[in-house]
C-alpha atoms as a PDB file:
ATOM      1  CA  MET A   1      49.721  47.773  -6.446  1.00  0.00           C
ATOM      2  CA  ARG A   2      47.169  45.944  -8.895  1.00  0.00           C
ATOM      3  CA  GLU A   3      47.958  42.967 -10.697  1.00  0.00           C
ATOM      4  CA  PRO A   4      48.201  43.428 -14.518  1.00  0.00           C
ATOM      5  CA  ILE A   5      45.420  42.587 -16.676  1.00  0.00           C
ATOM      6  CA  SER A   6      45.795  39.323 -18.502  1.00  0.00           C
ATOM      7  CA  ASP A   7      45.058  38.963 -22.344  1.00  0.00           C
ATOM      8  CA  ARG A   8      41.988  36.969 -21.568  1.00  0.00           C
ATOM      9  CA  GLY A   9      40.717  39.399 -19.214  1.00  0.00           C
ATOM     10  CA  ARG A  10      41.303  42.169 -21.908  1.00  0.00           C
ATOM     11  CA  LEU A  11      39.583  40.154 -24.290  1.00  0.00           C
ATOM     12  CA  GLU A  12      36.586  39.446 -21.923  1.00  0.00           C
ATOM     13  CA  HIS A  13      36.351  43.138 -21.413  1.00  0.00           C
ATOM     14  CA  ILE A  14      36.032  43.644 -25.095  1.00  0.00           C
ATOM     15  CA  ILE A  15      33.279  41.075 -25.565  1.00  0.00           C
ATOM     16  CA  ILE A  16      31.375  42.684 -22.800  1.00  0.00           C
ATOM     17  CA  ALA A  17      31.534  45.900 -24.197  1.00  0.00           C
ATOM     18  CA  ILE A  18      30.555  44.732 -27.629  1.00  0.00           C
ATOM     19  CA  ASP A  19      27.420  43.143 -26.011  1.00  0.00           C
ATOM     20  CA  ASP A  20      26.728  46.354 -24.375  1.00  0.00           C
ATOM     21  CA  ALA A  21      26.962  48.400 -27.614  1.00  0.00           C
ATOM     22  CA  THR A  22      24.700  46.340 -29.524  1.00  0.00           C
ATOM     23  CA  THR A  23      22.173  46.442 -26.627  1.00  0.00           C
ATOM     24  CA  PHE A  24      22.247  50.169 -26.465  1.00  0.00           C
ATOM     25  CA  ALA A  25      21.984  50.428 -30.298  1.00  0.00           C
ATOM     26  CA  GLY A  26      19.243  47.960 -30.641  1.00  0.00           C
ATOM     27  CA  LYS A  27      17.728  48.572 -33.841  1.00  0.00           C
ATOM     28  CA  THR A  28      18.600  52.407 -34.128  1.00  0.00           C
ATOM     29  CA  THR A  29      19.314  53.966 -37.203  1.00  0.00           C
ATOM     30  CA  LEU A  30      22.256  56.490 -37.545  1.00  0.00           C
ATOM     31  CA  GLU A  31      19.748  59.253 -38.308  1.00  0.00           C
ATOM     32  CA  GLU A  32      18.110  58.321 -34.941  1.00  0.00           C
ATOM     33  CA  LEU A  33      21.304  58.263 -33.050  1.00  0.00           C
ATOM     34  CA  GLN A  34      22.016  62.015 -34.262  1.00  0.00           C
ATOM     35  CA  TYR A  35      19.023  62.866 -32.349  1.00  0.00           C
ATOM     36  CA  ASP A  36      19.352  60.789 -29.243  1.00  0.00           C
ATOM     37  CA  LYS A  37      22.444  61.959 -27.275  1.00  0.00           C
ATOM     38  CA  LEU A  38      21.979  59.798 -24.400  1.00  0.00           C
ATOM     39  CA  ARG A  39      22.016  56.632 -26.619  1.00  0.00           C
ATOM     40  CA  CYS A  40      24.916  58.132 -28.667  1.00  0.00           C
ATOM     41  CA  TYR A  41      26.845  58.665 -25.511  1.00  0.00           C
ATOM     42  CA  ALA A  42      26.189  55.212 -24.435  1.00  0.00           C
ATOM     43  CA  LEU A  43      27.598  53.603 -27.365  1.00  0.00           C
ATOM     44  CA  VAL A  44      30.747  55.821 -27.817  1.00  0.00           C
ATOM     45  CA  HIS A  45      31.392  55.293 -23.950  1.00  0.00           C
ATOM     46  CA  SER A  46      30.886  51.527 -24.320  1.00  0.00           C
ATOM     47  CA  VAL A  47      33.560  51.339 -27.110  1.00  0.00           C
END
């Protein structure tokens, strides 16, 4: 059985996810995101 994730571990995971999302988004506008399914999926998946 796996050891439960600590609060610190959860927060580190959240920080990594936020960093990934901002990297994937770059300077993409909402309009551009509507037509870029791959980038949209990457953002949704990272959050």
